[in-house]
């Protein structure tokens, strides 16, 4: 991984909390799924993005 991206992500987690970042990632995955369906007619990729969103949603964080 790129060190600079790790530092950026760590800074975001410090400012927003890990829980908030995970919630944003879940929303992004849902939007990616919608985009795959709407603009690319790619149901296979859309389902993968939805699966990722569901998996993120299941993560419980107490930090």
C-alpha atoms as a PDB file:
ATOM      1  CA  UNK A   1       0.000   0.000   0.000  1.00  0.00           C
ATOM      2  CA  UNK A   2       1.012   3.548  -0.535  1.00  0.00           C
ATOM      3  CA  UNK A   3       2.212   5.132   2.685  1.00  0.00           C
ATOM      4  CA  UNK A   4       0.723   8.524   1.824  1.00  0.00           C
ATOM      5  CA  UNK A   5      -2.769   7.034   1.390  1.00  0.00           C
ATOM      6  CA  UNK A   6      -2.446   5.202   4.691  1.00  0.00           C
ATOM      7  CA  UNK A   7      -1.589   8.477   6.400  1.00  0.00           C
ATOM      8  CA  UNK A   8      -4.529  10.256   4.778  1.00  0.00           C
ATOM      9  CA  UNK A   9      -6.905   7.493   5.836  1.00  0.00           C
ATOM     10  CA  UNK A  10      -5.527   7.476   9.366  1.00  0.00           C
ATOM     11  CA  UNK A  11      -6.062  11.232   9.555  1.00  0.00           C
ATOM     12  CA  UNK A  12      -9.660  10.850   8.421  1.00  0.00           C
ATOM     13  CA  UNK A  13     -10.272   8.145  11.012  1.00  0.00           C
ATOM     14  CA  UNK A  14      -8.780  10.390  13.691  1.00  0.00           C
ATOM     15  CA  UNK A  15     -11.073  13.258  12.679  1.00  0.00           C
ATOM     16  CA  UNK A  16     -14.277  11.335  11.999  1.00  0.00           C
ATOM     17  CA  UNK A  17     -14.050   7.977  13.857  1.00  0.00           C
ATOM     18  CA  UNK A  18     -13.721   4.549  12.337  1.00  0.00           C
ATOM     19  CA  UNK A  19     -17.465   4.006  12.601  1.00  0.00           C
ATOM     20  CA  UNK A  20     -18.169   7.096  10.474  1.00  0.00           C
ATOM     21  CA  UNK A  21     -15.639   5.999   7.852  1.00  0.00           C
ATOM     22  CA  UNK A  22     -17.228   2.544   7.644  1.00  0.00           C
ATOM     23  CA  UNK A  23     -20.676   4.102   7.249  1.00  0.00           C
ATOM     24  CA  UNK A  24     -19.371   6.260   4.403  1.00  0.00           C
ATOM     25  CA  UNK A  25     -17.766   3.246   2.746  1.00  0.00           C
ATOM     26  CA  UNK A  26     -21.072   1.388   2.950  1.00  0.00           C
ATOM     27  CA  UNK A  27     -22.891   4.282   1.282  1.00  0.00           C
ATOM     28  CA  UNK A  28     -20.233   4.535  -1.407  1.00  0.00           C
ATOM     29  CA  UNK A  29     -20.601   0.823  -2.164  1.00  0.00           C
ATOM     30  CA  UNK A  30     -24.378   1.231  -2.544  1.00  0.00           C
ATOM     31  CA  UNK A  31     -23.844   4.179  -4.886  1.00  0.00           C
ATOM     32  CA  UNK A  32     -21.319   2.179  -6.921  1.00  0.00           C
ATOM     33  CA  UNK A  33     -23.875  -0.618  -7.252  1.00  0.00           C
ATOM     34  CA  UNK A  34     -26.520   1.829  -8.414  1.00  0.00           C
ATOM     35  CA  UNK A  35     -24.088   3.364 -10.910  1.00  0.00           C
ATOM     36  CA  UNK A  36     -23.161  -0.057 -12.304  1.00  0.00           C
ATOM     37  CA  UNK A  37     -26.827  -0.818 -12.905  1.00  0.00           C
ATOM     38  CA  UNK A  38     -27.877   2.566 -14.233  1.00  0.00           C
ATOM     39  CA  UNK A  39     -24.969   3.550 -16.424  1.00  0.00           C
ATOM     40  CA  UNK A  40     -23.240   0.297 -17.286  1.00  0.00           C
ATOM     41  CA  UNK A  41     -26.064  -2.270 -17.129  1.00  0.00           C
ATOM     42  CA  UNK A  42     -23.627  -4.441 -15.192  1.00  0.00           C
ATOM     43  CA  UNK A  43     -25.686  -6.474 -12.753  1.00  0.00           C
ATOM     44  CA  UNK A  44     -22.772  -8.738 -11.812  1.00  0.00           C
ATOM     45  CA  UNK A  45     -20.607  -5.865 -10.608  1.00  0.00           C
ATOM     46  CA  UNK A  46     -23.602  -4.221  -8.955  1.00  0.00           C
ATOM     47  CA  UNK A  47     -24.221  -7.339  -6.897  1.00  0.00           C
ATOM     48  CA  UNK A  48     -20.574  -7.431  -5.820  1.00  0.00           C
ATOM     49  CA  UNK A  49     -20.745  -3.808  -4.659  1.00  0.00           C
ATOM     50  CA  UNK A  50     -23.970  -4.544  -2.770  1.00  0.00           C
ATOM     51  CA  UNK A  51     -22.337  -7.558  -1.137  1.00  0.00           C
ATOM     52  CA  UNK A  52     -19.439  -5.360  -0.026  1.00  0.00           C
ATOM     53  CA  UNK A  53     -21.904  -2.828   1.403  1.00  0.00           C
ATOM     54  CA  UNK A  54     -23.696  -5.556   3.381  1.00  0.00           C
ATOM     55  CA  UNK A  55     -20.422  -6.914   4.724  1.00  0.00           C
ATOM     56  CA  UNK A  56     -19.310  -3.454   5.845  1.00  0.00           C
ATOM     57  CA  UNK A  57     -22.702  -2.911   7.469  1.00  0.00           C
ATOM     58  CA  UNK A  58     -22.157  -6.019   9.607  1.00  0.00           C
ATOM     59  CA  UNK A  59     -18.927  -4.683  11.117  1.00  0.00           C
ATOM     60  CA  UNK A  60     -19.411  -3.494  14.697  1.00  0.00           C
ATOM     61  CA  UNK A  61     -16.794  -1.063  15.941  1.00  0.00           C
ATOM     62  CA  UNK A  62     -16.359   0.126  19.502  1.00  0.00           C
ATOM     63  CA  UNK A  63     -13.284   2.288  19.048  1.00  0.00           C
END
